[in-house]
Amino acid sequence: MEENKDYIVRATAAGGQIRAFAATTKNLVEEMRKIHNTSPVISASLGRLLTGGAMMGVMMKGEDDLLTLQVKGDGPVGGMTVTADSQGNVKGYANEPQVILPASAKGKLDVGAAVGKGILRVIKDMGLKEPYVGQTILQTGEIAEDLTYYFAVSEQTPSSVGLGVLMEKDNTVKQAGGFILQLMPFAQEDVISKLEQNLLKVPSVTAVLEAGNSPEQMLEILLDGLSMQIAGRTGTRYQCNCSKKRVERAIISIGKKEIEEMIAEGKEIEAGCQFCSRKYVFTVEELKAMAARK
């Protein structure tokens, strides 16, 4: 893998008793920062959610499977939404991208304070009649612990999630990445205790990346002594697949009355995509056609 490419590595350990994922996501988090002009604390908050989402996306089997993570809290960010597919494409936005907060007691970006108390919703659209929806209470608002809790409660899978975003002094992204370790139902006690000991050796995801380690090396540290086997690698990137047609569907969904009000104003409207800020212009004629379809 090239130096500057983001990717996710998949692995198993202890004869299949553990499955593991690790990622480096610096470029995609920086791409998000540029698109949304996020403040440092929101770059960290949304960057963690994007990283978690990218790894959870590649956990899905189907080519067309889609995963959505929604965080809604009473903190100043209001909420964040991330969508990922099974090929490593991910995108997201924060309701309030420019939140500025003082550092936490530990001198770190205070993601928990930005998010506040609230809920995490995980929606998996796997082509069935109804999407799977799991909802849990936010534990800390720091994202990694909230996903750990979600896996335990909603998917009954004991997991450990680590996520991190480190910012440069000029507020660009210096490092970003994460890991997800999951125990299979038949995991033995000695394997579990060894894994717990290894986790204590990892101060933070960004410290491991900043020391020059790749996702593979991060897993070697986490799965030390547990005979890890790499199962594969998937490139990951920030990618929005919006189109004028999709934005049109969103406008139609707001209702005929609202569309008619826009037509009455007699001016073309500009609608932006929340994920990539691309702008789409709709003429009065196009709005009339939409209203007729509605």
Protein backbone atom coordinates (compact mmCIF):
# COMPACT_ATOMS: atom_id res chain seq x y z
CA MET A 1 0.00 0.00 0.00
CA GLU A 2 1.26 3.48 -0.83
CA GLU A 3 2.24 5.80 1.99
CA ASN A 4 -0.53 8.29 1.41
CA LYS A 5 -3.42 5.88 0.85
CA ASP A 6 -6.09 5.23 3.45
CA TYR A 7 -7.00 1.59 3.93
CA ILE A 8 -8.59 -0.91 6.27
CA VAL A 9 -6.94 -4.22 7.12
CA ARG A 10 -8.99 -7.25 8.19
CA ALA A 11 -7.53 -10.03 10.31
CA THR A 12 -8.35 -13.00 12.52
CA ALA A 13 -6.44 -14.29 15.54
CA ALA A 14 -6.35 -17.16 18.01
CA GLY A 15 -7.68 -19.62 15.43
CA GLY A 16 -10.70 -17.51 14.58
CA GLN A 17 -11.66 -16.64 18.19
CA ILE A 18 -11.01 -12.96 17.41
CA ARG A 19 -11.80 -10.91 14.33
CA ALA A 20 -10.08 -7.59 13.93
CA PHE A 21 -10.07 -4.47 11.77
CA ALA A 22 -7.67 -1.54 11.75
CA ALA A 23 -7.59 1.55 9.58
CA THR A 24 -5.62 4.62 8.68
CA THR A 25 -7.99 7.39 7.54
CA LYS A 26 -5.95 10.61 7.58
CA ASN A 27 -6.73 11.57 3.97
CA LEU A 28 -10.46 10.95 4.09
CA VAL A 29 -10.82 12.87 7.38
CA GLU A 30 -8.81 15.75 5.88
CA GLU A 31 -11.06 15.63 2.78
CA MET A 32 -14.11 15.90 5.06
CA ARG A 33 -12.48 18.82 6.92
CA LYS A 34 -11.92 20.71 3.66
CA ILE A 35 -15.46 20.10 2.38
CA HIS A 36 -17.22 21.11 5.60
CA ASN A 37 -14.62 23.54 6.96
CA THR A 38 -14.94 21.85 10.36
CA SER A 39 -13.48 23.26 13.57
CA PRO A 40 -10.81 21.08 15.26
CA VAL A 41 -13.20 19.48 17.76
CA ILE A 42 -15.70 18.65 14.98
CA SER A 43 -12.89 17.35 12.72
CA ALA A 44 -12.08 14.96 15.59
CA SER A 45 -15.72 14.05 16.35
CA LEU A 46 -16.83 13.46 12.77
CA GLY A 47 -13.41 12.00 11.87
CA ARG A 48 -13.84 9.32 14.54
CA LEU A 49 -17.39 8.54 13.37
CA LEU A 50 -16.25 8.34 9.71
CA THR A 51 -13.41 5.97 10.70
CA GLY A 52 -15.73 3.74 12.73
CA GLY A 53 -18.28 3.81 9.91
CA ALA A 54 -15.70 2.88 7.26
CA MET A 55 -14.63 -0.20 9.27
CA MET A 56 -18.23 -1.20 10.07
CA GLY A 57 -19.06 -0.78 6.37
CA VAL A 58 -16.45 -3.31 5.24
CA MET A 59 -17.81 -5.76 7.85
CA MET A 60 -20.94 -6.06 5.72
CA LYS A 61 -21.08 -8.86 3.15
CA GLY A 62 -23.32 -7.62 0.34
CA GLU A 63 -22.06 -5.42 -2.48
CA ASP A 64 -25.03 -3.06 -2.17
CA ASP A 65 -25.24 -3.06 1.65
CA LEU A 66 -25.31 0.40 3.21
CA LEU A 67 -24.59 1.42 6.78
CA THR A 68 -25.67 4.69 8.40
CA LEU A 69 -24.45 5.90 11.80
CA GLN A 70 -26.43 8.72 13.42
CA VAL A 71 -25.32 10.42 16.60
CA LYS A 72 -27.85 12.77 18.18
CA GLY A 73 -26.84 14.57 21.36
CA ASP A 74 -27.62 17.63 23.44
CA GLY A 75 -24.11 19.06 22.89
CA PRO A 76 -23.43 22.00 20.55
CA VAL A 77 -22.78 19.81 17.46
CA GLY A 78 -26.46 18.74 17.58
CA GLY A 79 -25.90 15.60 15.57
CA MET A 80 -23.68 13.82 13.06
CA THR A 81 -24.50 11.42 10.24
CA VAL A 82 -22.14 9.03 8.45
CA THR A 83 -22.95 6.65 5.59
CA ALA A 84 -20.62 3.86 4.47
CA ASP A 85 -20.77 1.01 1.98
CA SER A 86 -19.02 -2.37 1.94
CA GLN A 87 -16.31 -1.14 -0.48
CA GLY A 88 -14.70 1.41 1.85
CA ASN A 89 -16.56 4.49 0.59
CA VAL A 90 -17.70 6.77 3.39
CA LYS A 91 -19.20 10.27 3.76
CA GLY A 92 -20.67 12.32 6.56
CA TYR A 93 -21.69 15.69 7.95
CA ALA A 94 -22.17 17.45 11.27
CA ASN A 95 -25.24 19.59 11.98
CA GLU A 96 -23.00 22.36 13.38
CA PRO A 97 -19.55 22.03 11.78
CA GLN A 98 -17.89 25.09 13.37
CA VAL A 99 -18.26 24.42 17.10
CA ILE A 100 -15.38 25.81 19.21
CA LEU A 101 -14.86 24.39 22.71
CA PRO A 102 -12.13 24.62 25.34
CA ALA A 103 -9.86 21.58 25.68
CA SER A 104 -10.85 18.79 28.07
CA ALA A 105 -9.26 18.34 31.51
CA LYS A 106 -6.66 16.11 29.82
CA GLY A 107 -5.81 18.89 27.35
CA LYS A 108 -7.46 17.04 24.46
CA LEU A 109 -10.16 18.05 21.96
CA ASP A 110 -13.36 17.59 23.96
CA VAL A 111 -15.42 15.40 21.64
CA GLY A 112 -17.65 14.21 24.50
CA ALA A 113 -18.65 17.79 25.34
CA ALA A 114 -19.31 18.61 21.67
CA VAL A 115 -21.63 15.58 21.32
CA GLY A 116 -23.23 15.59 24.78
CA LYS A 117 -25.80 13.09 26.02
CA GLY A 118 -28.06 11.35 23.55
CA ILE A 119 -28.36 8.35 21.28
CA LEU A 120 -26.43 6.39 18.67
CA ARG A 121 -28.48 4.84 15.89
CA VAL A 122 -27.04 2.23 13.53
CA ILE A 123 -29.03 1.52 10.36
CA LYS A 124 -28.01 -1.33 8.07
CA ASP A 125 -29.75 -1.55 4.73
CA MET A 126 -29.00 -5.04 3.44
CA GLY A 127 -31.59 -5.18 0.68
CA LEU A 128 -34.23 -6.81 2.90
CA LYS A 129 -37.76 -5.42 3.20
CA GLU A 130 -36.87 -3.51 6.34
CA PRO A 131 -33.44 -2.14 7.28
CA TYR A 132 -31.93 -3.30 10.57
CA VAL A 133 -31.96 -0.50 13.16
CA GLY A 134 -30.07 -0.68 16.45
CA GLN A 135 -30.25 2.16 18.94
CA THR A 136 -28.27 2.66 22.13
CA ILE A 137 -27.70 5.45 24.64
CA LEU A 138 -24.43 7.36 24.19
CA GLN A 139 -22.02 6.30 26.94
CA THR A 140 -19.44 9.11 26.76
CA GLY A 141 -20.06 10.88 23.43
CA GLU A 142 -16.41 10.09 22.59
CA ILE A 143 -17.63 7.74 19.79
CA ALA A 144 -15.30 4.73 20.34
CA GLU A 145 -16.84 3.81 23.72
CA ASP A 146 -20.29 4.43 22.26
CA LEU A 147 -19.65 1.96 19.42
CA THR A 148 -18.16 -0.56 21.89
CA TYR A 149 -21.40 -0.33 23.91
CA TYR A 150 -23.54 -0.62 20.76
CA PHE A 151 -21.78 -3.85 19.69
CA ALA A 152 -22.24 -5.36 23.18
CA VAL A 153 -25.90 -4.40 23.57
CA SER A 154 -27.37 -4.46 20.06
CA GLU A 155 -25.26 -7.13 18.39
CA GLN A 156 -24.33 -9.13 21.54
CA THR A 157 -20.69 -9.07 20.39
CA PRO A 158 -18.06 -8.22 23.03
CA SER A 159 -15.84 -5.70 21.23
CA SER A 160 -13.16 -3.12 21.77
CA VAL A 161 -13.21 -0.03 19.56
CA GLY A 162 -10.40 2.52 19.39
CA LEU A 163 -10.69 5.68 17.27
CA GLY A 164 -8.48 8.74 17.05
CA VAL A 165 -7.90 11.98 15.14
CA LEU A 166 -4.81 14.10 15.78
CA MET A 167 -4.78 17.69 14.49
CA GLU A 168 -1.83 19.81 13.31
CA LYS A 169 -1.30 23.31 14.72
CA ASP A 170 -2.75 24.72 11.47
CA ASN A 171 -5.93 22.64 12.10
CA THR A 172 -5.32 20.18 9.25
CA VAL A 173 -5.44 16.45 10.05
CA LYS A 174 -2.13 14.95 11.18
CA GLN A 175 -3.24 11.38 11.92
CA ALA A 176 -6.54 9.50 11.91
CA GLY A 177 -7.42 5.86 12.26
CA GLY A 178 -8.87 3.19 14.46
CA PHE A 179 -9.41 -0.45 15.28
CA ILE A 180 -12.30 -2.79 16.07
CA LEU A 181 -11.57 -6.08 17.86
CA GLN A 182 -14.40 -8.58 18.32
CA LEU A 183 -14.60 -11.80 20.31
CA MET A 184 -16.41 -14.73 18.77
CA PRO A 185 -18.90 -16.62 21.02
CA PHE A 186 -16.43 -19.52 21.47
CA ALA A 187 -13.50 -17.30 22.59
CA GLN A 188 -11.65 -18.90 25.53
CA GLU A 189 -10.76 -17.20 28.81
CA ASP A 190 -6.98 -17.25 28.25
CA VAL A 191 -7.44 -15.56 24.84
CA ILE A 192 -9.70 -12.89 26.38
CA SER A 193 -7.26 -12.10 29.20
CA LYS A 194 -4.29 -11.92 26.79
CA LEU A 195 -6.25 -9.50 24.60
CA GLU A 196 -7.13 -7.37 27.63
CA GLN A 197 -3.42 -7.20 28.61
CA ASN A 198 -2.49 -6.15 25.05
CA LEU A 199 -5.11 -3.40 25.03
CA LEU A 200 -3.51 -1.87 28.12
CA LYS A 201 -0.29 -1.42 26.13
CA VAL A 202 -1.94 0.86 23.56
CA PRO A 203 -2.10 4.43 24.93
CA SER A 204 -4.15 5.73 21.99
CA VAL A 205 -4.71 5.05 18.31
CA THR A 206 -3.05 8.31 17.28
CA ALA A 207 0.03 7.58 19.44
CA VAL A 208 0.44 4.25 17.61
CA LEU A 209 0.04 5.91 14.19
CA GLU A 210 2.25 8.87 15.14
CA ALA A 211 5.02 6.38 16.03
CA GLY A 212 4.99 5.36 12.36
CA ASN A 213 2.95 2.17 12.64
CA SER A 214 0.71 0.92 9.83
CA PRO A 215 -2.74 -0.61 10.51
CA GLU A 216 -1.07 -4.04 10.21
CA GLN A 217 1.49 -3.08 12.86
CA MET A 218 -1.27 -1.69 15.08
CA LEU A 219 -2.97 -5.10 14.96
CA GLU A 220 0.36 -6.85 15.63
CA ILE A 221 0.59 -4.86 18.90
CA LEU A 222 -3.07 -5.52 19.82
CA LEU A 223 -2.96 -9.21 18.88
CA ASP A 224 0.57 -9.93 20.11
CA GLY A 225 0.96 -13.60 21.07
CA LEU A 226 -2.41 -14.51 19.54
CA SER A 227 -1.15 -15.73 16.12
CA MET A 228 -2.75 -13.08 13.93
CA GLN A 229 -3.53 -13.75 10.27
CA ILE A 230 -4.21 -10.94 7.81
CA ALA A 231 -7.41 -11.68 5.86
CA GLY A 232 -7.28 -8.78 3.41
CA ARG A 233 -7.06 -5.05 2.77
CA THR A 234 -9.64 -2.59 1.47
CA GLY A 235 -8.90 0.95 0.33
CA THR A 236 -11.11 3.56 2.01
CA ARG A 237 -11.98 7.07 0.82
CA TYR A 238 -14.36 9.98 1.32
CA GLN A 239 -16.78 9.68 -1.56
CA CYS A 240 -20.17 11.21 -2.19
CA ASN A 241 -22.39 9.66 -4.84
CA CYS A 242 -24.93 12.46 -4.96
CA SER A 243 -26.57 13.46 -8.23
CA LYS A 244 -29.15 16.00 -9.35
CA LYS A 245 -31.70 13.16 -9.47
CA ARG A 246 -31.10 12.30 -5.79
CA VAL A 247 -31.35 15.92 -4.67
CA GLU A 248 -34.54 16.20 -6.74
CA ARG A 249 -35.99 13.20 -4.86
CA ALA A 250 -35.15 14.94 -1.58
CA ILE A 251 -36.95 18.11 -2.73
CA ILE A 252 -40.00 16.10 -3.85
CA SER A 253 -40.10 14.46 -0.40
CA ILE A 254 -40.60 17.83 1.35
CA GLY A 255 -44.12 18.09 -0.05
CA LYS A 256 -46.17 19.63 -2.84
CA LYS A 257 -47.18 22.73 -0.87
CA GLU A 258 -43.54 23.73 -0.25
CA ILE A 259 -42.64 23.17 -3.91
CA GLU A 260 -45.58 25.32 -4.99
CA GLU A 261 -44.39 28.10 -2.66
CA MET A 262 -40.97 27.97 -4.35
CA ILE A 263 -42.65 28.17 -7.78
CA ALA A 264 -44.75 31.13 -6.65
CA GLU A 265 -41.53 33.02 -5.87
CA GLY A 266 -40.67 32.67 -9.55
CA LYS A 267 -36.93 32.22 -8.95
CA GLU A 268 -34.69 29.23 -9.55
CA ILE A 269 -33.55 27.54 -6.35
CA GLU A 270 -30.17 26.19 -5.33
CA ALA A 271 -30.03 23.02 -3.27
CA GLY A 272 -26.82 21.69 -1.74
CA CYS A 273 -25.82 18.14 -0.87
CA GLN A 274 -25.25 17.85 2.90
CA PHE A 275 -22.42 15.35 2.45
CA CYS A 276 -20.24 17.13 -0.12
CA SER A 277 -21.65 20.69 -0.35
CA ARG A 278 -22.08 20.34 -4.12
CA LYS A 279 -24.75 22.76 -5.36
CA TYR A 280 -27.59 21.89 -7.74
CA VAL A 281 -29.77 24.51 -9.42
CA PHE A 282 -33.43 23.86 -10.22
CA THR A 283 -35.33 26.18 -12.58
CA VAL A 284 -38.96 27.16 -12.08
CA GLU A 285 -39.82 24.82 -14.99
CA GLU A 286 -38.10 21.90 -13.22
CA LEU A 287 -39.94 22.72 -9.98
CA LYS A 288 -43.26 22.75 -11.88
CA ALA A 289 -42.47 19.32 -13.32
CA MET A 290 -41.71 18.04 -9.80
CA ALA A 291 -44.94 19.47 -8.42
CA ALA A 292 -46.86 17.78 -11.24
CA ARG A 293 -45.21 14.44 -10.42
CA LYS A 294 -46.02 14.86 -6.73
